[in-house]
Protein backbone atom coordinates (compact mmCIF):
# COMPACT_ATOMS: atom_id res chain seq x y z
CA UNK A 1 -18.77 8.12 38.30
CA UNK A 2 -21.01 5.50 36.71
CA UNK A 3 -23.16 8.20 35.13
CA UNK A 4 -20.11 9.86 33.63
CA UNK A 5 -18.93 6.57 32.12
CA UNK A 6 -22.34 5.96 30.57
CA UNK A 7 -22.42 9.50 29.20
CA UNK A 8 -18.96 9.06 27.71
CA UNK A 9 -19.88 5.74 26.12
CA UNK A 10 -22.92 7.33 24.46
CA UNK A 11 -20.73 9.94 22.76
CA UNK A 12 -19.64 9.37 19.16
CA UNK A 13 -16.00 9.03 18.13
CA UNK A 14 -15.74 12.61 16.84
CA UNK A 15 -16.52 14.39 20.18
CA UNK A 16 -14.20 11.99 21.96
CA UNK A 17 -11.35 12.85 19.62
CA UNK A 18 -12.02 16.58 19.83
CA UNK A 19 -12.12 16.61 23.62
CA UNK A 20 -8.99 14.47 23.87
CA UNK A 21 -7.15 16.74 21.46
CA UNK A 22 -8.11 19.88 23.39
CA UNK A 23 -7.02 18.40 26.72
CA UNK A 24 -3.62 17.59 25.23
CA UNK A 25 -2.95 20.62 23.03
CA UNK A 26 -3.96 23.48 25.33
CA UNK A 27 -1.05 23.05 27.81
CA UNK A 28 1.38 22.71 24.91
CA UNK A 29 0.05 25.88 23.30
CA UNK A 30 0.38 27.75 26.62
CA UNK A 31 4.04 26.80 27.00
CA UNK A 32 4.74 27.66 23.35
CA UNK A 33 3.20 31.11 23.74
CA UNK A 34 5.32 31.79 26.83
CA UNK A 35 8.48 30.80 24.98
CA UNK A 36 7.63 33.00 22.01
CA UNK A 37 6.99 35.97 24.32
CA UNK A 38 10.40 35.62 25.93
CA UNK A 39 12.20 35.75 22.58
CA UNK A 40 15.23 33.74 23.55
CA UNK A 41 16.74 33.61 20.13
CA UNK A 42 16.38 37.36 19.69
CA UNK A 43 18.42 38.04 22.85
CA UNK A 44 21.18 35.66 21.86
CA UNK A 45 21.45 37.17 18.41
CA UNK A 46 21.70 40.71 19.74
CA UNK A 47 24.44 39.83 22.22
CA UNK A 48 26.63 38.05 19.68
CA UNK A 49 26.27 40.84 17.13
CA UNK A 50 27.13 43.40 19.80
CA UNK A 51 30.36 41.52 20.52
CA UNK A 52 31.25 41.48 16.84
CA UNK A 53 30.64 45.23 16.48
CA UNK A 54 32.73 46.02 19.58
CA UNK A 55 35.60 43.85 18.35
CA UNK A 56 35.64 45.77 15.09
CA UNK A 57 35.62 49.11 16.89
CA UNK A 58 38.51 48.27 19.23
CA UNK A 59 40.58 46.81 16.42
CA UNK A 60 40.14 50.00 14.44
CA UNK A 61 41.41 52.07 17.39
CA UNK A 62 44.52 49.90 17.80
CA UNK A 63 45.19 49.79 14.06
CA UNK A 64 44.88 53.58 13.86
CA UNK A 65 47.68 54.10 16.44
CA UNK A 66 49.92 51.48 14.85
CA UNK A 67 49.46 52.92 11.34
CA UNK A 68 50.30 56.38 12.67
CA UNK A 69 53.51 55.02 14.20
CA UNK A 70 54.43 53.39 10.88
CA UNK A 71 53.92 56.65 9.00
CA UNK A 72 56.08 58.58 11.47
CA UNK A 73 58.70 55.88 11.17
CA UNK A 74 58.90 56.40 7.39
CA UNK A 75 59.21 60.17 7.86
CA UNK A 76 62.68 59.74 9.40
CA UNK A 77 64.04 59.21 5.92
CA UNK A 78 64.00 63.03 5.74
CA UNK A 79 65.71 63.55 9.15
CA UNK A 80 68.92 65.65 8.52
CA UNK A 81 70.65 64.34 11.64
CA UNK A 82 69.95 60.69 10.79
CA UNK A 83 71.07 61.17 7.21
CA UNK A 84 74.27 62.98 8.27
CA UNK A 85 75.20 60.17 10.67
CA UNK A 86 74.41 57.55 8.03
CA UNK A 87 76.17 59.31 5.09
CA UNK A 88 78.72 61.84 6.41
CA UNK A 89 79.98 60.30 9.66
CA UNK A 90 83.49 59.62 8.24
CA UNK A 91 84.05 63.32 7.53
CA UNK A 92 82.19 64.72 10.53
CA UNK A 93 83.98 65.96 13.63
CA UNK A 94 83.25 64.37 16.99
CA UNK A 95 81.44 67.50 18.10
CA UNK A 96 79.17 67.41 15.09
CA UNK A 97 78.49 63.71 15.58
CA UNK A 98 77.63 64.20 19.24
CA UNK A 99 75.33 67.10 18.47
CA UNK A 100 73.54 65.11 15.75
CA UNK A 101 73.11 62.14 18.10
CA UNK A 102 71.66 64.31 20.88
CA UNK A 103 69.18 65.94 18.53
CA UNK A 104 68.17 62.56 17.08
CA UNK A 105 67.59 61.11 20.56
CA UNK A 106 65.36 64.03 21.44
CA UNK A 107 63.31 63.37 18.30
CA UNK A 108 62.99 59.67 19.21
CA UNK A 109 61.79 60.49 22.74
CA UNK A 110 59.26 62.91 21.28
CA UNK A 111 58.08 60.23 18.84
CA UNK A 112 57.71 57.69 21.68
CA UNK A 113 55.70 60.06 23.85
CA UNK A 114 53.14 60.58 21.10
CA UNK A 115 52.00 56.94 21.01
CA UNK A 116 50.96 54.89 24.07
CA UNK A 117 51.66 51.61 22.28
CA UNK A 118 55.43 52.34 21.84
CA UNK A 119 57.74 50.88 24.49
CA UNK A 120 61.03 51.94 22.88
CA UNK A 121 62.51 53.15 19.59
CA UNK A 122 65.86 51.80 18.45
CA UNK A 123 67.85 53.06 15.46
CA UNK A 124 70.77 50.97 14.11
CA UNK A 125 73.41 53.04 12.21
CA UNK A 126 76.05 50.77 10.66
CA UNK A 127 78.23 53.75 9.57
CA UNK A 128 79.05 54.59 13.20
CA UNK A 129 78.49 51.05 14.52
CA UNK A 130 76.13 52.40 17.15
CA UNK A 131 72.57 51.92 18.36
CA UNK A 132 70.44 54.86 19.54
CA UNK A 133 67.60 54.23 22.01
CA UNK A 134 64.75 56.54 22.97
CA UNK A 135 64.48 55.15 26.51
CA UNK A 136 67.92 55.44 28.16
CA UNK A 137 69.41 58.13 25.91
CA UNK A 138 72.66 56.17 25.64
CA UNK A 139 74.65 55.26 22.59
CA UNK A 140 75.46 51.57 22.58
CA UNK A 141 77.37 49.29 20.27
CA UNK A 142 75.21 47.40 17.83
CA UNK A 143 73.97 44.07 19.18
CA UNK A 144 74.61 42.06 16.08
CA UNK A 145 72.00 39.36 16.69
CA UNK A 146 69.23 41.85 17.26
CA UNK A 147 70.35 43.99 14.33
CA UNK A 148 70.38 41.03 11.95
CA UNK A 149 66.86 40.03 13.05
CA UNK A 150 65.50 43.54 12.47
CA UNK A 151 67.31 43.88 9.16
CA UNK A 152 66.07 40.53 7.92
CA UNK A 153 62.46 41.28 8.93
CA UNK A 154 62.64 44.66 7.15
CA UNK A 155 64.07 43.01 4.06
CA UNK A 156 61.37 40.33 3.84
CA UNK A 157 58.56 42.85 4.33
CA UNK A 158 56.14 39.98 5.07
CA UNK A 159 54.45 41.97 7.81
CA UNK A 160 55.19 45.34 9.42
CA UNK A 161 54.81 43.70 12.85
CA UNK A 162 57.39 41.05 13.79
CA UNK A 163 58.14 39.08 16.99
CA UNK A 164 61.60 38.74 18.50
CA UNK A 165 62.35 37.23 21.90
CA UNK A 166 58.80 37.60 23.22
CA UNK A 167 58.65 41.21 22.03
CA UNK A 168 56.84 42.80 19.12
CA UNK A 169 58.55 45.23 16.75
CA UNK A 170 57.78 47.38 13.74
CA UNK A 171 60.96 47.33 11.63
CA UNK A 172 62.00 49.58 8.71
CA UNK A 173 65.29 49.86 6.84
CA UNK A 174 66.72 52.42 4.43
CA UNK A 175 67.12 51.86 1.60
CA UNK A 176 64.08 49.57 1.26
CA UNK A 177 64.95 45.95 1.99
CA UNK A 178 63.93 44.88 -1.50
CA UNK A 179 66.46 47.32 -3.00
CA UNK A 180 69.35 45.76 -1.07
CA UNK A 181 71.29 43.31 -3.23
CA UNK A 182 73.50 40.55 -1.90
CA UNK A 183 75.29 41.44 1.33
CA UNK A 184 74.94 45.22 0.97
CA UNK A 185 74.18 46.83 4.33
CA UNK A 186 71.34 49.36 4.80
CA UNK A 187 72.21 52.94 5.85
CA UNK A 188 70.07 52.52 8.98
CA UNK A 189 67.39 50.24 10.49
CA UNK A 190 64.56 51.87 12.41
CA UNK A 191 62.81 49.51 14.90
CA UNK A 192 59.85 50.36 17.12
CA UNK A 193 59.28 48.08 20.12
CA UNK A 194 55.56 47.86 20.98
CA UNK A 195 54.47 48.11 24.59
CA UNK A 196 52.98 44.74 25.53
CA UNK A 197 51.74 46.08 28.88
CA UNK A 198 49.84 48.95 27.24
CA UNK A 199 48.37 46.60 24.63
CA UNK A 200 47.23 44.23 27.38
CA UNK A 201 45.74 47.12 29.33
CA UNK A 202 43.85 48.26 26.26
CA UNK A 203 42.62 44.73 25.55
CA UNK A 204 41.51 44.32 29.16
CA UNK A 205 39.06 47.19 28.65
CA UNK A 206 37.34 45.14 25.98
CA UNK A 207 35.64 42.33 27.82
CA UNK A 208 32.14 40.99 28.39
CA UNK A 209 31.60 39.89 31.97
CA UNK A 210 34.05 38.41 34.40
CA UNK A 211 35.06 35.48 32.22
CA UNK A 212 35.58 37.48 29.03
CA UNK A 213 38.78 38.74 27.45
CA UNK A 214 40.47 39.70 24.19
CA UNK A 215 43.52 38.61 22.20
CA UNK A 216 45.48 40.59 19.60
CA UNK A 217 47.18 38.12 17.24
CA UNK A 218 49.13 38.18 14.02
CA UNK A 219 47.61 36.39 11.06
CA UNK A 220 51.06 35.79 9.51
CA UNK A 221 53.90 35.17 11.96
CA UNK A 222 52.20 33.85 15.10
CA UNK A 223 52.79 36.58 17.73
CA UNK A 224 49.96 37.24 20.19
CA UNK A 225 49.11 39.64 23.00
CA UNK A 226 46.44 38.48 25.43
CA UNK A 227 44.53 40.26 28.16
CA UNK A 228 44.07 36.97 29.99
CA UNK A 229 46.45 36.09 32.80
CA UNK A 230 46.21 32.48 31.68
CA UNK A 231 48.38 32.60 28.58
CA UNK A 232 47.04 29.23 27.32
CA UNK A 233 43.83 30.85 26.10
CA UNK A 234 45.59 33.13 23.63
CA UNK A 235 47.32 30.44 21.55
CA UNK A 236 44.10 28.41 21.37
CA UNK A 237 42.20 31.38 19.95
CA UNK A 238 45.06 32.43 17.69
CA UNK A 239 45.04 29.00 16.07
CA UNK A 240 41.61 29.79 14.62
CA UNK A 241 43.17 32.84 12.95
CA UNK A 242 45.97 30.75 11.46
CA UNK A 243 43.40 28.43 9.84
CA UNK A 244 42.20 31.32 7.66
CA UNK A 245 45.04 33.88 7.41
CA UNK A 246 43.55 35.58 4.35
CA UNK A 247 40.11 36.11 5.83
CA UNK A 248 38.79 39.58 6.44
CA UNK A 249 35.86 41.18 8.16
CA UNK A 250 33.97 40.28 11.33
CA UNK A 251 32.77 36.80 12.25
CA UNK A 252 31.13 35.10 15.21
CA UNK A 253 31.78 31.55 16.35
CA UNK A 254 28.68 30.50 18.31
CA UNK A 255 30.52 27.94 20.45
CA UNK A 256 34.21 27.06 20.96
CA UNK A 257 35.58 24.69 23.60
CA UNK A 258 38.38 26.25 25.70
CA UNK A 259 39.69 24.54 28.83
CA UNK A 260 36.68 22.24 28.74
CA UNK A 261 34.15 25.09 28.72
CA UNK A 262 32.13 26.46 25.79
CA UNK A 263 32.90 30.06 24.76
CA UNK A 264 31.26 32.51 22.39
CA UNK A 265 33.99 34.07 20.20
CA UNK A 266 33.84 37.20 18.01
CA UNK A 267 36.75 38.13 15.71
CA UNK A 268 37.70 40.92 13.31
CA UNK A 269 40.75 41.17 11.02
CA UNK A 270 42.88 44.03 9.77
CA UNK A 271 44.56 42.66 6.61
CA UNK A 272 46.94 45.63 6.05
CA UNK A 273 48.73 45.09 9.37
CA UNK A 274 48.11 41.35 9.37
CA UNK A 275 46.48 41.34 12.81
CA UNK A 276 43.18 40.17 14.26
CA UNK A 277 41.30 41.03 17.44
CA UNK A 278 39.55 38.08 19.09
CA UNK A 279 37.02 38.66 21.86
CA UNK A 280 35.66 35.77 23.90
CA UNK A 281 33.37 35.11 26.83
CA UNK A 282 32.03 32.00 28.49
CA UNK A 283 28.76 30.94 26.98
CA UNK A 284 27.28 30.21 30.40
CA UNK A 285 27.87 33.80 31.55
CA UNK A 286 26.89 35.47 28.29
CA UNK A 287 23.73 33.45 27.83
CA UNK A 288 22.84 33.20 31.48
CA UNK A 289 19.55 35.10 31.02
CA UNK A 290 18.58 32.55 28.39
CA UNK A 291 18.79 29.68 30.87
CA UNK A 292 15.14 30.02 31.71
CA UNK A 293 14.32 29.56 28.03
CA UNK A 294 16.06 26.21 28.09
CA UNK A 295 14.09 25.24 31.18
CA UNK A 296 10.87 26.11 29.38
CA UNK A 297 12.05 24.21 26.34
CA UNK A 298 12.66 21.00 28.29
CA UNK A 299 9.37 21.49 30.06
CA UNK A 300 7.70 21.74 26.67
CA UNK A 301 9.42 18.58 25.54
CA UNK A 302 8.31 16.73 28.68
CA UNK A 303 4.75 17.92 28.26
CA UNK A 304 4.81 16.99 24.58
CA UNK A 305 6.02 13.48 25.34
CA UNK A 306 3.37 13.12 28.03
CA UNK A 307 0.73 14.41 25.62
CA UNK A 308 1.80 11.97 22.95
CA UNK A 309 1.71 9.08 25.43
CA UNK A 310 -1.73 10.00 26.75
CA UNK A 311 -3.19 10.68 23.33
CA UNK A 312 -1.70 7.43 21.99
CA UNK A 313 -3.33 5.51 24.84
CA UNK A 314 -6.71 7.09 24.13
CA UNK A 315 -6.42 6.39 20.41
CA UNK A 316 -5.43 2.80 21.19
CA UNK A 317 -8.33 2.26 23.57
CA UNK A 318 -11.16 3.99 21.71
CA UNK A 319 -10.11 3.52 18.06
CA UNK A 320 -7.30 1.02 17.59
CA UNK A 321 -8.73 -1.80 19.72
CA UNK A 322 -12.24 -1.68 18.14
CA UNK A 323 -10.76 -1.49 14.63
CA UNK A 324 -8.40 -4.38 15.43
CA UNK A 325 -11.31 -6.43 16.72
CA UNK A 326 -13.35 -5.67 13.61
CA UNK A 327 -10.44 -6.50 11.26
CA UNK A 328 -9.87 -9.79 13.09
CA UNK A 329 -13.52 -10.66 12.62
CA UNK A 330 -13.34 -9.85 8.89
CA UNK A 331 -10.28 -12.08 8.50
CA UNK A 332 -12.13 -14.93 10.16
CA UNK A 333 -14.96 -14.47 7.66
CA UNK A 334 -12.42 -14.47 4.80
CA UNK A 335 -11.23 -17.88 5.99
CA UNK A 336 -14.81 -19.19 5.83
CA UNK A 337 -15.77 -18.89 9.50
CA UNK A 338 -19.33 -17.58 9.45
CA UNK A 339 -19.91 -18.26 13.14
CA UNK A 340 -17.85 -15.26 14.29
CA UNK A 341 -19.56 -12.42 16.19
CA UNK A 342 -18.27 -9.18 17.73
CA UNK A 343 -19.48 -8.14 21.18
CA UNK A 344 -20.84 -4.60 21.48
CA UNK A 345 -19.12 -2.60 24.24
CA UNK A 346 -20.28 0.98 23.60
CA UNK A 347 -22.98 2.97 21.84
CA UNK A 348 -20.76 4.99 19.54
CA UNK A 349 -20.05 4.40 15.84
CA UNK A 350 -18.06 1.24 16.57
CA UNK A 351 -20.97 -0.18 18.51
CA UNK A 352 -23.18 0.41 15.47
CA UNK A 353 -20.57 -1.22 13.18
CA UNK A 354 -20.36 -4.28 15.42
CA UNK A 355 -24.12 -4.77 15.37
CA UNK A 356 -24.28 -4.34 11.60
CA UNK A 357 -21.30 -6.67 11.13
CA UNK A 358 -23.02 -9.43 13.09
CA UNK A 359 -26.18 -8.93 11.03
CA UNK A 360 -24.17 -8.94 7.80
CA UNK A 361 -22.44 -12.24 8.67
CA UNK A 362 -25.77 -13.86 9.49
CA UNK A 363 -27.25 -12.67 6.19
CA UNK A 364 -24.19 -13.89 4.22
CA UNK A 365 -24.48 -17.27 5.89
CA UNK A 366 -28.14 -17.54 4.87
CA UNK A 367 -27.49 -16.40 1.28
CA UNK A 368 -24.54 -18.76 0.84
CA UNK A 369 -26.69 -21.68 1.95
CA UNK A 370 -29.41 -20.73 -0.54
CA UNK A 371 -27.01 -20.11 -3.42
CA UNK A 372 -25.04 -23.29 -2.74
CA UNK A 373 -28.21 -25.41 -2.76
CA UNK A 374 -29.49 -23.67 -5.88
CA UNK A 375 -26.21 -24.12 -7.78
CA UNK A 376 -25.91 -27.73 -6.73
CA UNK A 377 -29.37 -28.53 -8.03
CA UNK A 378 -28.65 -26.60 -11.23
CA UNK A 379 -25.40 -28.48 -11.85
CA UNK A 380 -27.01 -31.87 -11.22
CA UNK A 381 -29.82 -30.99 -13.60
CA UNK A 382 -27.40 -29.79 -16.31
CA UNK A 383 -25.17 -32.82 -15.80
CA UNK A 384 -28.03 -35.26 -16.39
CA UNK A 385 -29.26 -33.22 -19.37
CA UNK A 386 -25.79 -33.21 -21.02
CA UNK A 387 -25.27 -36.94 -20.37
CA UNK A 388 -28.62 -37.80 -21.94
CA UNK A 389 -27.60 -36.04 -25.17
CA UNK A 390 -25.03 -38.75 -25.91
CA UNK A 391 -27.38 -41.72 -26.05
CA UNK A 392 -29.56 -40.52 -28.99
CA UNK A 393 -26.49 -39.34 -30.90
CA UNK A 394 -24.74 -42.69 -30.76
CA UNK A 395 -28.00 -44.57 -31.36
CA UNK A 396 -28.48 -42.74 -34.68
CA UNK A 397 -25.01 -43.81 -35.87
CA UNK A 398 -25.44 -47.42 -34.70
CA UNK A 399 -28.74 -48.02 -36.47
CA UNK A 400 -27.33 -46.42 -39.61
CA UNK A 401 -24.42 -48.93 -39.59
CA UNK A 402 -26.78 -51.94 -39.00
CA UNK A 403 -29.02 -50.74 -41.78
CA UNK A 404 -26.13 -50.51 -44.22
CA UNK A 405 -24.70 -53.96 -43.33
CA UNK A 406 -28.14 -55.61 -43.51
CA UNK A 407 -28.66 -54.07 -46.89
CA UNK A 408 -25.34 -55.59 -47.98
CA UNK A 409 -26.35 -58.94 -46.40
CA UNK A 410 -23.29 -59.01 -44.12
CA UNK A 411 -24.89 -61.38 -41.62
CA UNK A 412 -21.77 -62.12 -39.56
CA UNK A 413 -20.99 -58.43 -39.23
CA UNK A 414 -24.59 -57.73 -38.19
CA UNK A 415 -24.34 -60.44 -35.51
CA UNK A 416 -21.07 -59.07 -34.14
CA UNK A 417 -22.35 -55.52 -34.25
CA UNK A 418 -25.61 -56.38 -32.47
CA UNK A 419 -23.60 -58.29 -29.84
CA UNK A 420 -21.37 -55.26 -29.24
CA UNK A 421 -24.43 -53.02 -29.26
CA UNK A 422 -26.04 -55.21 -26.64
CA UNK A 423 -22.98 -54.89 -24.39
CA UNK A 424 -22.88 -51.18 -25.13
CA UNK A 425 -26.52 -50.51 -24.18
CA UNK A 426 -26.33 -52.85 -21.20
CA UNK A 427 -23.52 -50.59 -19.87
CA UNK A 428 -25.71 -47.55 -20.40
CA UNK A 429 -29.03 -48.89 -19.09
CA UNK A 430 -28.04 -51.30 -16.33
CA UNK A 431 -28.36 -48.60 -13.65
CA UNK A 432 -28.80 -44.90 -13.16
CA UNK A 433 -25.29 -44.41 -11.80
CA UNK A 434 -23.59 -41.21 -12.96
CA UNK A 435 -20.10 -42.53 -12.23
CA UNK A 436 -18.30 -45.79 -13.06
CA UNK A 437 -14.82 -47.21 -12.50
CA UNK A 438 -12.33 -46.12 -15.14
CA UNK A 439 -11.75 -49.75 -16.15
CA UNK A 440 -15.43 -50.22 -17.04
CA UNK A 441 -15.46 -46.90 -18.89
CA UNK A 442 -12.52 -48.02 -21.03
CA UNK A 443 -14.13 -51.46 -21.65
CA UNK A 444 -17.18 -49.66 -22.89
CA UNK A 445 -14.97 -47.52 -25.16
CA UNK A 446 -13.41 -50.77 -26.46
CA UNK A 447 -16.88 -52.08 -27.39
CA UNK A 448 -17.46 -48.85 -29.29
CA UNK A 449 -14.13 -49.30 -31.16
CA UNK A 450 -15.14 -52.88 -32.04
CA UNK A 451 -18.40 -51.57 -33.49
CA UNK A 452 -16.49 -48.97 -35.52
CA UNK A 453 -13.98 -51.61 -36.70
CA UNK A 454 -16.87 -53.52 -38.31
CA UNK A 455 -17.99 -50.28 -39.92
CA UNK A 456 -14.53 -49.41 -41.30
CA UNK A 457 -13.61 -53.02 -42.21
CA UNK A 458 -10.59 -52.98 -39.92
CA UNK A 459 -9.03 -50.10 -41.85
CA UNK A 460 -8.42 -48.33 -38.52
CA UNK A 461 -6.36 -49.78 -35.68
CA UNK A 462 -7.19 -48.84 -32.05
CA UNK A 463 -4.38 -49.25 -29.48
CA UNK A 464 -5.29 -49.27 -25.76
CA UNK A 465 -2.45 -49.07 -23.23
CA UNK A 466 -2.77 -51.09 -20.02
CA UNK A 467 -4.44 -49.15 -17.23
CA UNK A 468 -2.12 -48.41 -14.29
CA UNK A 469 -3.18 -50.55 -11.33
CA UNK A 470 -3.36 -47.47 -9.13
CA UNK A 471 -6.16 -46.04 -11.28
CA UNK A 472 -8.19 -49.19 -12.18
CA UNK A 473 -10.76 -48.28 -9.52
CA UNK A 474 -10.65 -44.57 -10.28
CA UNK A 475 -14.29 -43.43 -10.46
CA UNK A 476 -15.08 -41.11 -13.39
CA UNK A 477 -18.26 -39.71 -15.00
CA UNK A 478 -19.97 -42.14 -17.39
CA UNK A 479 -19.25 -41.80 -21.14
CA UNK A 480 -16.23 -39.48 -21.22
CA UNK A 481 -13.77 -41.56 -23.30
CA UNK A 482 -16.12 -42.99 -25.99
CA UNK A 483 -17.26 -39.53 -27.29
CA UNK A 484 -13.60 -38.50 -27.81
CA UNK A 485 -12.92 -41.70 -29.83
CA UNK A 486 -16.16 -41.17 -31.71
CA UNK A 487 -14.96 -37.70 -32.68
CA UNK A 488 -11.81 -39.27 -34.16
CA UNK A 489 -13.83 -41.64 -36.37
CA UNK A 490 -16.18 -38.87 -37.48
CA UNK A 491 -13.56 -36.25 -38.38
CA UNK A 492 -10.02 -37.67 -38.58
CA UNK A 493 -10.84 -40.94 -40.39
CA UNK A 494 -13.82 -39.87 -42.48
CA UNK A 495 -11.83 -39.99 -45.71
CA UNK A 496 -9.01 -42.34 -44.66
CA UNK A 497 -8.91 -45.57 -46.72
CA UNK A 498 -6.26 -47.47 -44.67
CA UNK A 499 -3.64 -47.41 -41.90
CA UNK A 500 -5.66 -45.33 -39.47
CA UNK A 501 -4.41 -45.38 -35.89
CA UNK A 502 -6.10 -44.17 -32.72
CA UNK A 503 -4.00 -44.46 -29.54
CA UNK A 504 -5.44 -44.34 -26.00
CA UNK A 505 -2.72 -43.80 -23.37
CA UNK A 506 -2.22 -42.45 -19.84
CA UNK A 507 -0.02 -39.79 -18.23
CA UNK A 508 0.30 -39.86 -14.43
CA UNK A 509 0.98 -36.47 -12.84
CA UNK A 510 1.10 -34.94 -9.37
CA UNK A 511 -2.43 -34.62 -8.01
CA UNK A 512 -4.16 -35.64 -11.25
CA UNK A 513 -4.59 -38.43 -13.83
CA UNK A 514 -4.53 -37.83 -17.59
CA UNK A 515 -6.07 -39.86 -20.41
CA UNK A 516 -4.59 -39.10 -23.85
CA UNK A 517 -6.37 -39.88 -27.15
CA UNK A 518 -4.26 -39.37 -30.30
CA UNK A 519 -4.75 -40.16 -33.97
CA UNK A 520 -2.78 -40.07 -37.21
CA UNK A 521 -5.42 -38.23 -39.15
CA UNK A 522 -4.66 -35.39 -41.56
CA UNK A 523 -2.32 -32.72 -40.19
CA UNK A 524 -3.90 -30.15 -37.92
CA UNK A 525 -2.79 -26.55 -38.23
CA UNK A 526 -2.01 -24.43 -35.14
CA UNK A 527 -4.83 -22.08 -36.08
CA UNK A 528 -7.28 -25.04 -36.12
CA UNK A 529 -6.10 -26.15 -32.67
CA UNK A 530 -6.59 -22.63 -31.28
CA UNK A 531 -10.07 -22.44 -32.84
CA UNK A 532 -11.14 -25.79 -31.37
CA UNK A 533 -9.72 -24.85 -27.94
CA UNK A 534 -11.66 -21.58 -28.08
CA UNK A 535 -14.87 -23.48 -28.75
CA UNK A 536 -14.21 -25.71 -25.73
CA UNK A 537 -13.87 -22.73 -23.40
CA UNK A 538 -16.64 -20.60 -24.99
CA UNK A 539 -19.09 -19.09 -22.54
CA UNK A 540 -22.26 -19.78 -24.54
CA UNK A 541 -24.33 -22.38 -22.77
CA UNK A 542 -27.53 -22.29 -24.80
CA UNK A 543 -26.20 -24.10 -27.91
CA UNK A 544 -26.54 -27.87 -28.35
CA UNK A 545 -23.42 -29.57 -26.99
CA UNK A 546 -22.20 -32.92 -28.30
CA UNK A 547 -18.84 -34.68 -28.62
CA UNK A 548 -15.78 -33.05 -27.06
CA UNK A 549 -17.67 -29.93 -25.90
CA UNK A 550 -20.16 -32.17 -24.07
CA UNK A 551 -17.39 -34.09 -22.28
CA UNK A 552 -15.44 -30.92 -21.44
CA UNK A 553 -18.47 -29.27 -19.83
CA UNK A 554 -19.34 -32.39 -17.84
CA UNK A 555 -15.79 -32.59 -16.49
CA UNK A 556 -15.91 -28.90 -15.56
CA UNK A 557 -19.18 -29.42 -13.69
CA UNK A 558 -17.77 -32.47 -11.92
CA UNK A 559 -14.24 -31.30 -11.04
CA UNK A 560 -14.30 -27.53 -11.47
CA UNK A 561 -11.45 -25.60 -13.10
CA UNK A 562 -8.94 -28.42 -12.45
CA UNK A 563 -10.73 -30.84 -14.82
CA UNK A 564 -11.44 -30.68 -18.54
CA UNK A 565 -9.85 -31.21 -21.96
CA UNK A 566 -6.75 -29.75 -23.62
CA UNK A 567 -6.07 -29.89 -27.36
CA UNK A 568 -2.72 -30.01 -29.16
CA UNK A 569 -1.05 -31.39 -32.28
CA UNK A 570 -0.18 -35.08 -32.00
CA UNK A 571 3.22 -36.56 -32.83
CA UNK A 572 1.27 -39.15 -34.86
CA UNK A 573 0.22 -36.36 -37.20
CA UNK A 574 -3.36 -35.68 -36.13
CA UNK A 575 -5.02 -34.24 -33.03
CA UNK A 576 -4.05 -34.94 -29.40
CA UNK A 577 -6.80 -34.69 -26.74
CA UNK A 578 -5.65 -34.74 -23.09
CA UNK A 579 -8.35 -35.39 -20.47
CA UNK A 580 -7.43 -34.24 -16.93
CA UNK A 581 -9.05 -35.90 -13.88
CA UNK A 582 -8.03 -34.41 -10.50
CA UNK A 583 -7.22 -36.79 -7.64
CA UNK A 584 -8.25 -36.18 -4.03
CA UNK A 585 -5.12 -36.06 -1.86
CA UNK A 586 -3.10 -37.55 -4.71
CA UNK A 587 -5.16 -40.82 -4.61
CA UNK A 588 -7.88 -42.08 -6.96
CA UNK A 589 -11.55 -41.70 -6.04
CA UNK A 590 -13.00 -44.97 -4.80
CA UNK A 591 -16.23 -46.17 -6.39
CA UNK A 592 -19.25 -45.16 -4.41
CA UNK A 593 -22.13 -47.48 -3.53
CA UNK A 594 -24.62 -45.26 -5.30
CA UNK A 595 -26.61 -47.10 -8.04
């Protein structure tokens, strides 16, 4: 057993799937082939079509006899004896009348004997107020109720077959019922009573099995003749005829519930006579030989369900579980967990994937460590290089201002400027710290504004808002505010003779702190703002970076995508620069002890 397990574990996924599929599918294929060989549907189809063909044949035989009786009935228009009794009875002698009646009765008996479906033939002659019958040979007075029913049916001519008091008749009047106007009486009414017993005997010959039977029903006036002793079956079947009285041709109803049992029903219609023959048989008896097909079918279903269950379990065990384990490991790596490993349980393809996955995670961990250290060193190096670019730039401007004031012998201004310059360079050179509290950074920017005020002879006013107490100790990179103000003096106020304003304000926001520098310099067009913003976010890193671009890149290095500058048109008329400094956990950064 242990050897077999080891052999199975060494197999790859593909042979495992193939073998599992064969074990499952072969029994299913065997059952399917057996079912196809039996041909259950073919047998059922043949039986139902045979019933339909037989129903058509028997209906044709019955209709042929009834049509022949109707034709003979119409021939009595030419009977001399019947015409004499109907026309000449007032002038005929009793002997002549009796002789004519006797001859007419003989003709009626002869007519009845020619057709097995005729029970009796009755002729109503209003001229002599008598009824002649083929059965008893007597001459009776006209039964008015029966006469009126036969006359009315002949007049309507809705159907040649009519019911009256649980009997079926074929009625005919002369003249034609349509020709009779008002209350005019016909010369005679010729009624043929059909033999219900003979019809039932004929229908009883047409049956499939012990439970089968047949029903002859009218499609127009509701009379039925059934071969079944239980007369409740006939009306139930006849109701299906009434639902489609104008239908014609043969049809098969695969299943119909009668008395709580399913029946197979075949039906054929004869539209001229308005009748239909309905044959029926219990489905259980008719399709008894097909029962074994149903047994095989349910067996196939059971085997299929079992196969699906077994195959699903194998797929779950050998494919789903390893894939799920591998996906779970990948998700852990996505969340930053590089300590995850997957245990190898087999030597198939999943075992190989697990080993390679563990090796891949270890290699990613090593590379991330190397890249992180490399990028950190690169950012620190670039940060110090960018910060150092500011000092020479400002030094050039400062010495140029001192030179100009000394040349003009403005001694007091030179003293003030050198004092501010001393404070300025003391801030820069007192330590190698890269970060300072925001309050010190703004004090340093104020010294720069004081230096520029001497340069511009107080033609430009600088307004500093009070720093919010929450952010006084906020630690920021050194020299991020002064370059923005310097940019204002260099560009916005270069040609301004008076009333220059530079405003330094603050905008608290969720998770970040914003410093806003605005001026009332010459109007800035939207196109200029877009161009300057594009230069801030340009990808070129090799060009010399000073001013706003310098500050923007330093903030990006320090804070990532959340930090940086945004440019817009100021309500004062010039440019508005918004500096965004992210806060950790919504609180300011505390000043570090690094110096």
